[in-house]
Amino acid sequence: MRRGTTLVEILLSLVILSLLLGIAIPRFGAVRDQLAVGAEAGRIVAAHRRARVTAILQSRPVVLTISPDSLTLAAESDSGVRWVEAGPAAHGVTLAGGARKITFSPVGITTGVSNASFRLTRGAASRTVVVSRLGRLRIQ
């Protein structure tokens, strides 16, 4: 008696494997979209916290600009940029609306904005970062 697998057995295994992959691969894309949107929401939260702490530590107003292409932190009184990071668009995530500026006072609260929300989407995944005037952040 010969040991081994026949061509029919190998083909049957390949058919089953391709069916399983055909079902699983689209779901992996949705998971990747959710992870990317969650990561970008976390980066906006981190930029907000960095701007708030910078304003408090330097005792001067600081402006955080959140745009699809970049996250920028600069002092209000001079034109020099203190910190720049790639925006959500660099990672394939869409930020609804245009660029928005949030100005932090030396005590760490925002001025000129009551509440702000930033909606991030990629594929079917979406998250909203809600910023209160007092600096509280919430990811929905």
N, C-alpha and C. Protein backbone atom coordinates (compact mmCIF):
# COMPACT_ATOMS: atom_id res chain seq x y z
N MET A 1 0.84 -1.18 0.00
CA MET A 1 0.00 0.00 0.00
C MET A 1 0.89 1.24 0.00
N ARG A 2 0.54 2.23 -0.82
CA ARG A 2 1.34 3.45 -0.93
C ARG A 2 0.83 4.50 0.05
N ARG A 3 1.76 5.25 0.59
CA ARG A 3 1.40 6.33 1.52
C ARG A 3 1.54 7.66 0.79
N GLY A 4 0.71 8.65 1.18
CA GLY A 4 0.77 9.97 0.56
C GLY A 4 -0.63 10.48 0.26
N THR A 5 -0.66 11.62 -0.41
CA THR A 5 -1.95 12.21 -0.73
C THR A 5 -2.16 12.20 -2.24
N THR A 6 -3.36 12.10 -2.63
CA THR A 6 -3.68 12.09 -4.05
C THR A 6 -3.94 13.51 -4.53
N LEU A 7 -3.97 13.67 -5.82
CA LEU A 7 -4.22 14.98 -6.42
C LEU A 7 -5.61 15.48 -6.04
N VAL A 8 -6.58 14.61 -5.95
CA VAL A 8 -7.94 14.99 -5.58
C VAL A 8 -7.97 15.54 -4.15
N GLU A 9 -7.25 14.90 -3.25
CA GLU A 9 -7.21 15.37 -1.86
C GLU A 9 -6.56 16.75 -1.76
N ILE A 10 -5.50 16.96 -2.51
CA ILE A 10 -4.82 18.26 -2.49
C ILE A 10 -5.74 19.34 -3.06
N LEU A 11 -6.41 19.05 -4.16
CA LEU A 11 -7.32 20.02 -4.76
C LEU A 11 -8.49 20.35 -3.83
N LEU A 12 -9.02 19.32 -3.15
CA LEU A 12 -10.10 19.54 -2.20
C LEU A 12 -9.65 20.43 -1.05
N SER A 13 -8.44 20.21 -0.58
CA SER A 13 -7.89 21.05 0.50
C SER A 13 -7.73 22.49 0.03
N LEU A 14 -7.25 22.70 -1.18
CA LEU A 14 -7.09 24.05 -1.71
C LEU A 14 -8.42 24.76 -1.90
N VAL A 15 -9.44 24.03 -2.33
CA VAL A 15 -10.77 24.62 -2.49
C VAL A 15 -11.32 25.07 -1.13
N ILE A 16 -11.20 24.24 -0.13
CA ILE A 16 -11.68 24.58 1.22
C ILE A 16 -10.90 25.78 1.77
N LEU A 17 -9.58 25.77 1.59
CA LEU A 17 -8.76 26.88 2.07
C LEU A 17 -9.13 28.19 1.37
N SER A 18 -9.36 28.14 0.06
CA SER A 18 -9.72 29.37 -0.65
C SER A 18 -11.09 29.89 -0.24
N LEU A 19 -12.02 29.00 0.06
CA LEU A 19 -13.34 29.44 0.55
C LEU A 19 -13.21 30.12 1.91
N LEU A 20 -12.41 29.54 2.79
CA LEU A 20 -12.22 30.14 4.11
C LEU A 20 -11.54 31.50 4.00
N LEU A 21 -10.54 31.61 3.15
CA LEU A 21 -9.87 32.90 2.97
C LEU A 21 -10.80 33.92 2.32
N GLY A 22 -11.65 33.48 1.41
CA GLY A 22 -12.60 34.39 0.78
C GLY A 22 -13.59 34.98 1.77
N ILE A 23 -13.88 34.25 2.81
CA ILE A 23 -14.78 34.74 3.86
C ILE A 23 -14.03 35.62 4.86
N ALA A 24 -12.79 35.25 5.18
CA ALA A 24 -12.06 35.93 6.25
C ALA A 24 -11.40 37.24 5.83
N ILE A 25 -10.89 37.33 4.61
CA ILE A 25 -10.12 38.51 4.19
C ILE A 25 -10.93 39.81 4.25
N PRO A 26 -12.18 39.87 3.79
CA PRO A 26 -12.92 41.13 3.93
C PRO A 26 -13.10 41.56 5.38
N ARG A 27 -13.21 40.61 6.28
CA ARG A 27 -13.37 40.97 7.70
C ARG A 27 -12.07 41.55 8.25
N PHE A 28 -10.94 41.09 7.77
CA PHE A 28 -9.67 41.66 8.21
C PHE A 28 -9.55 43.11 7.77
N GLY A 29 -10.09 43.44 6.60
CA GLY A 29 -10.07 44.83 6.14
C GLY A 29 -10.86 45.74 7.05
N ALA A 30 -12.01 45.26 7.53
CA ALA A 30 -12.83 46.06 8.45
C ALA A 30 -12.10 46.26 9.78
N VAL A 31 -11.41 45.24 10.24
CA VAL A 31 -10.65 45.35 11.48
C VAL A 31 -9.51 46.35 11.31
N ARG A 32 -8.84 46.31 10.15
CA ARG A 32 -7.77 47.28 9.89
C ARG A 32 -8.30 48.70 9.88
N ASP A 33 -9.48 48.90 9.29
CA ASP A 33 -10.09 50.24 9.28
C ASP A 33 -10.39 50.72 10.69
N GLN A 34 -10.95 49.85 11.52
CA GLN A 34 -11.26 50.22 12.90
C GLN A 34 -9.99 50.57 13.68
N LEU A 35 -8.93 49.79 13.48
CA LEU A 35 -7.68 50.07 14.18
C LEU A 35 -7.07 51.39 13.73
N ALA A 36 -7.12 51.67 12.43
CA ALA A 36 -6.55 52.92 11.92
C ALA A 36 -7.31 54.13 12.45
N VAL A 37 -8.63 54.06 12.45
CA VAL A 37 -9.45 55.18 12.95
C VAL A 37 -9.21 55.37 14.45
N GLY A 38 -9.14 54.29 15.20
CA GLY A 38 -8.87 54.38 16.63
C GLY A 38 -7.50 54.99 16.92
N ALA A 39 -6.51 54.61 16.14
CA ALA A 39 -5.16 55.17 16.32
C ALA A 39 -5.13 56.66 16.03
N GLU A 40 -5.82 57.09 14.99
CA GLU A 40 -5.86 58.52 14.66
C GLU A 40 -6.62 59.32 15.71
N ALA A 41 -7.68 58.75 16.26
CA ALA A 41 -8.39 59.42 17.35
C ALA A 41 -7.46 59.58 18.55
N GLY A 42 -6.69 58.56 18.84
CA GLY A 42 -5.72 58.65 19.94
C GLY A 42 -4.65 59.69 19.68
N ARG A 43 -4.23 59.85 18.43
CA ARG A 43 -3.22 60.86 18.11
C ARG A 43 -3.77 62.27 18.27
N ILE A 44 -5.05 62.48 17.93
CA ILE A 44 -5.66 63.80 18.14
C ILE A 44 -5.77 64.09 19.63
N VAL A 45 -6.15 63.11 20.41
CA VAL A 45 -6.24 63.27 21.87
C VAL A 45 -4.85 63.60 22.43
N ALA A 46 -3.83 62.89 21.99
CA ALA A 46 -2.47 63.14 22.47
C ALA A 46 -1.99 64.55 22.08
N ALA A 47 -2.30 65.01 20.86
CA ALA A 47 -1.92 66.35 20.43
C ALA A 47 -2.63 67.41 21.28
N HIS A 48 -3.90 67.17 21.60
CA HIS A 48 -4.66 68.10 22.44
C HIS A 48 -4.02 68.19 23.83
N ARG A 49 -3.69 67.07 24.40
CA ARG A 49 -3.06 67.06 25.73
C ARG A 49 -1.69 67.73 25.70
N ARG A 50 -0.92 67.48 24.63
CA ARG A 50 0.39 68.10 24.51
C ARG A 50 0.26 69.62 24.43
N ALA A 51 -0.70 70.11 23.67
CA ALA A 51 -0.90 71.55 23.54
C ALA A 51 -1.33 72.16 24.87
N ARG A 52 -2.20 71.50 25.56
CA ARG A 52 -2.69 72.00 26.86
C ARG A 52 -1.54 72.09 27.88
N VAL A 53 -0.75 71.03 27.96
CA VAL A 53 0.37 71.02 28.91
C VAL A 53 1.42 72.05 28.52
N THR A 54 1.68 72.21 27.23
CA THR A 54 2.64 73.21 26.77
C THR A 54 2.20 74.62 27.15
N ALA A 55 0.92 74.92 26.99
CA ALA A 55 0.40 76.25 27.36
C ALA A 55 0.56 76.49 28.85
N ILE A 56 0.29 75.47 29.65
CA ILE A 56 0.41 75.63 31.11
C ILE A 56 1.87 75.80 31.52
N LEU A 57 2.76 74.96 31.00
CA LEU A 57 4.16 75.00 31.40
C LEU A 57 4.87 76.26 30.93
N GLN A 58 4.50 76.79 29.77
CA GLN A 58 5.15 77.98 29.26
C GLN A 58 4.43 79.27 29.64
N SER A 59 3.28 79.14 30.28
CA SER A 59 2.48 80.30 30.72
C SER A 59 2.21 81.27 29.59
N ARG A 60 1.87 80.73 28.43
CA ARG A 60 1.53 81.58 27.29
C ARG A 60 0.57 80.83 26.38
N PRO A 61 -0.22 81.57 25.61
CA PRO A 61 -1.19 80.91 24.72
C PRO A 61 -0.51 80.05 23.66
N VAL A 62 -1.12 78.91 23.38
CA VAL A 62 -0.60 77.98 22.39
C VAL A 62 -1.76 77.61 21.45
N VAL A 63 -1.46 77.49 20.16
CA VAL A 63 -2.47 77.16 19.15
C VAL A 63 -2.20 75.77 18.60
N LEU A 64 -3.22 74.92 18.67
CA LEU A 64 -3.17 73.59 18.08
C LEU A 64 -4.00 73.63 16.81
N THR A 65 -3.39 73.31 15.67
CA THR A 65 -4.10 73.26 14.40
C THR A 65 -4.28 71.79 14.00
N ILE A 66 -5.52 71.39 13.86
CA ILE A 66 -5.84 70.02 13.46
C ILE A 66 -6.40 70.07 12.05
N SER A 67 -5.66 69.53 11.11
CA SER A 67 -6.09 69.50 9.71
C SER A 67 -5.93 68.07 9.20
N PRO A 68 -6.53 67.76 8.06
CA PRO A 68 -6.38 66.41 7.53
C PRO A 68 -4.93 66.03 7.25
N ASP A 69 -4.10 67.01 6.89
CA ASP A 69 -2.72 66.73 6.52
C ASP A 69 -1.73 66.77 7.67
N SER A 70 -2.03 67.55 8.73
CA SER A 70 -1.04 67.68 9.81
C SER A 70 -1.69 68.09 11.13
N LEU A 71 -0.99 67.78 12.20
CA LEU A 71 -1.30 68.27 13.54
C LEU A 71 -0.14 69.19 13.91
N THR A 72 -0.43 70.47 14.17
CA THR A 72 0.62 71.47 14.38
C THR A 72 0.40 72.19 15.70
N LEU A 73 1.49 72.41 16.41
CA LEU A 73 1.46 73.13 17.68
C LEU A 73 2.40 74.32 17.57
N ALA A 74 1.88 75.53 17.85
CA ALA A 74 2.69 76.74 17.76
C ALA A 74 2.27 77.71 18.85
N ALA A 75 3.20 78.56 19.26
CA ALA A 75 2.87 79.62 20.21
C ALA A 75 2.06 80.67 19.47
N GLU A 76 1.11 81.26 20.17
CA GLU A 76 0.23 82.24 19.52
C GLU A 76 0.98 83.51 19.14
N SER A 77 1.97 83.91 19.94
CA SER A 77 2.63 85.19 19.72
C SER A 77 3.70 85.17 18.63
N ASP A 78 4.31 84.01 18.36
CA ASP A 78 5.33 83.98 17.31
C ASP A 78 4.90 83.02 16.19
N SER A 79 5.64 83.08 15.10
CA SER A 79 5.25 82.26 13.95
C SER A 79 5.96 80.91 13.91
N GLY A 80 6.82 80.65 14.86
CA GLY A 80 7.57 79.40 14.86
C GLY A 80 6.70 78.21 15.26
N VAL A 81 6.84 77.13 14.55
CA VAL A 81 6.11 75.91 14.85
C VAL A 81 6.93 75.10 15.86
N ARG A 82 6.29 74.70 16.94
CA ARG A 82 6.98 73.95 17.98
C ARG A 82 6.94 72.44 17.77
N TRP A 83 5.89 71.98 17.12
CA TRP A 83 5.70 70.53 16.94
C TRP A 83 4.80 70.28 15.76
N VAL A 84 5.17 69.32 14.92
CA VAL A 84 4.36 68.96 13.76
C VAL A 84 4.34 67.44 13.64
N GLU A 85 3.18 66.91 13.32
CA GLU A 85 3.03 65.48 13.09
C GLU A 85 2.08 65.29 11.91
N ALA A 86 2.25 64.20 11.21
CA ALA A 86 1.38 63.92 10.06
C ALA A 86 -0.07 63.78 10.53
N GLY A 87 -0.98 64.25 9.71
CA GLY A 87 -2.40 64.21 10.05
C GLY A 87 -3.03 62.87 9.69
N PRO A 88 -4.33 62.77 9.92
CA PRO A 88 -5.04 61.52 9.64
C PRO A 88 -4.98 61.07 8.18
N ALA A 89 -4.90 62.00 7.26
CA ALA A 89 -4.87 61.64 5.84
C ALA A 89 -3.64 60.82 5.48
N ALA A 90 -2.56 61.00 6.21
CA ALA A 90 -1.33 60.25 5.94
C ALA A 90 -1.51 58.76 6.19
N HIS A 91 -2.51 58.41 7.00
CA HIS A 91 -2.77 57.01 7.32
C HIS A 91 -4.08 56.52 6.71
N GLY A 92 -4.59 57.25 5.72
CA GLY A 92 -5.79 56.83 5.01
C GLY A 92 -7.09 57.10 5.74
N VAL A 93 -7.06 57.94 6.76
CA VAL A 93 -8.25 58.25 7.54
C VAL A 93 -8.74 59.64 7.14
N THR A 94 -10.04 59.79 6.96
CA THR A 94 -10.64 61.06 6.54
C THR A 94 -11.11 61.84 7.76
N LEU A 95 -10.71 63.10 7.84
CA LEU A 95 -11.16 64.02 8.89
C LEU A 95 -12.22 64.92 8.28
N ALA A 96 -13.43 64.87 8.83
CA ALA A 96 -14.53 65.67 8.29
C ALA A 96 -14.28 67.15 8.56
N GLY A 97 -14.57 67.98 7.60
CA GLY A 97 -14.36 69.42 7.76
C GLY A 97 -12.93 69.80 7.43
N GLY A 98 -12.68 71.07 7.45
CA GLY A 98 -11.34 71.57 7.15
C GLY A 98 -10.48 71.67 8.39
N ALA A 99 -9.42 72.43 8.26
CA ALA A 99 -8.50 72.64 9.38
C ALA A 99 -9.19 73.48 10.46
N ARG A 100 -8.96 73.10 11.71
CA ARG A 100 -9.51 73.86 12.83
C ARG A 100 -8.40 74.19 13.81
N LYS A 101 -8.51 75.37 14.39
CA LYS A 101 -7.51 75.82 15.36
C LYS A 101 -8.14 75.88 16.73
N ILE A 102 -7.41 75.38 17.71
CA ILE A 102 -7.84 75.45 19.10
C ILE A 102 -6.75 76.21 19.85
N THR A 103 -7.14 77.31 20.49
CA THR A 103 -6.18 78.12 21.24
C THR A 103 -6.33 77.82 22.72
N PHE A 104 -5.21 77.51 23.36
CA PHE A 104 -5.19 77.21 24.79
C PHE A 104 -4.63 78.40 25.55
N SER A 105 -5.32 78.80 26.60
CA SER A 105 -4.85 79.91 27.42
C SER A 105 -3.74 79.40 28.35
N PRO A 106 -3.03 80.29 29.01
CA PRO A 106 -1.96 79.87 29.92
C PRO A 106 -2.44 79.02 31.10
N VAL A 107 -3.74 79.02 31.37
CA VAL A 107 -4.26 78.17 32.45
C VAL A 107 -4.76 76.83 31.93
N GLY A 108 -4.67 76.60 30.62
CA GLY A 108 -4.98 75.30 30.05
C GLY A 108 -6.38 75.10 29.51
N ILE A 109 -7.22 76.14 29.52
CA ILE A 109 -8.54 75.98 28.92
C ILE A 109 -8.54 76.63 27.55
N THR A 110 -9.45 76.18 26.71
CA THR A 110 -9.50 76.73 25.36
C THR A 110 -10.24 78.05 25.36
N THR A 111 -9.87 78.90 24.43
CA THR A 111 -10.54 80.19 24.29
C THR A 111 -11.17 80.26 22.91
N GLY A 112 -12.35 80.82 22.85
CA GLY A 112 -13.01 81.03 21.57
C GLY A 112 -13.81 79.85 21.05
N VAL A 113 -13.70 78.70 21.65
CA VAL A 113 -14.43 77.52 21.20
C VAL A 113 -15.18 76.95 22.40
N SER A 114 -16.46 76.69 22.23
CA SER A 114 -17.17 76.07 23.34
C SER A 114 -16.93 74.57 23.33
N ASN A 115 -17.35 73.88 22.33
CA ASN A 115 -17.09 72.45 22.17
C ASN A 115 -16.66 72.21 20.73
N ALA A 116 -15.82 71.22 20.55
CA ALA A 116 -15.39 70.87 19.19
C ALA A 116 -15.51 69.37 19.03
N SER A 117 -15.82 68.94 17.85
CA SER A 117 -15.84 67.50 17.58
C SER A 117 -15.14 67.24 16.25
N PHE A 118 -14.38 66.17 16.21
CA PHE A 118 -13.62 65.79 15.04
C PHE A 118 -14.06 64.38 14.64
N ARG A 119 -14.67 64.29 13.47
CA ARG A 119 -15.18 62.99 12.99
C ARG A 119 -14.15 62.36 12.06
N LEU A 120 -13.73 61.16 12.41
CA LEU A 120 -12.74 60.41 11.64
C LEU A 120 -13.40 59.19 11.02
N THR A 121 -13.15 58.95 9.74
CA THR A 121 -13.74 57.78 9.07
C THR A 121 -12.73 57.12 8.15
N ARG A 122 -12.89 55.83 8.02
CA ARG A 122 -12.14 55.04 7.02
C ARG A 122 -12.97 53.80 6.76
N GLY A 123 -13.41 53.66 5.53
CA GLY A 123 -14.30 52.54 5.20
C GLY A 123 -15.59 52.68 5.98
N ALA A 124 -16.01 51.61 6.65
CA ALA A 124 -17.23 51.64 7.46
C ALA A 124 -16.95 52.06 8.90
N ALA A 125 -15.68 52.16 9.27
CA ALA A 125 -15.32 52.51 10.65
C ALA A 125 -15.34 54.02 10.84
N SER A 126 -15.84 54.47 11.98
CA SER A 126 -15.82 55.91 12.28
C SER A 126 -15.74 56.11 13.79
N ARG A 127 -15.11 57.20 14.16
CA ARG A 127 -15.01 57.63 15.56
C ARG A 127 -15.13 59.14 15.58
N THR A 128 -15.60 59.66 16.70
CA THR A 128 -15.69 61.10 16.89
C THR A 128 -14.95 61.46 18.17
N VAL A 129 -14.04 62.42 18.07
CA VAL A 129 -13.33 62.94 19.24
C VAL A 129 -14.05 64.23 19.63
N VAL A 130 -14.60 64.25 20.85
CA VAL A 130 -15.33 65.41 21.35
C VAL A 130 -14.46 66.10 22.39
N VAL A 131 -14.27 67.41 22.21
CA VAL A 131 -13.44 68.21 23.12
C VAL A 131 -14.32 69.25 23.78
N SER A 132 -14.37 69.26 25.12
CA SER A 132 -15.13 70.28 25.83
C SER A 132 -14.25 71.51 26.03
N ARG A 133 -14.87 72.61 26.37
CA ARG A 133 -14.12 73.86 26.57
C ARG A 133 -13.15 73.76 27.74
N LEU A 134 -13.48 72.95 28.72
CA LEU A 134 -12.61 72.79 29.87
C LEU A 134 -11.47 71.81 29.64
N GLY A 135 -11.45 71.19 28.46
CA GLY A 135 -10.35 70.31 28.13
C GLY A 135 -10.65 68.83 28.28
N ARG A 136 -11.86 68.49 28.60
CA ARG A 136 -12.21 67.07 28.69
C ARG A 136 -12.36 66.47 27.30
N LEU A 137 -11.82 65.28 27.14
CA LEU A 137 -11.84 64.60 25.85
C LEU A 137 -12.65 63.33 25.95
N ARG A 138 -13.36 63.05 24.88
CA ARG A 138 -14.18 61.83 24.84
C ARG A 138 -14.11 61.28 23.42
N ILE A 139 -13.87 59.99 23.30
CA ILE A 139 -13.88 59.33 21.99
C ILE A 139 -15.14 58.50 21.90
N GLN A 140 -15.94 58.78 20.90
CA GLN A 140 -17.20 58.04 20.72
C GLN A 140 -17.10 57.16 19.50
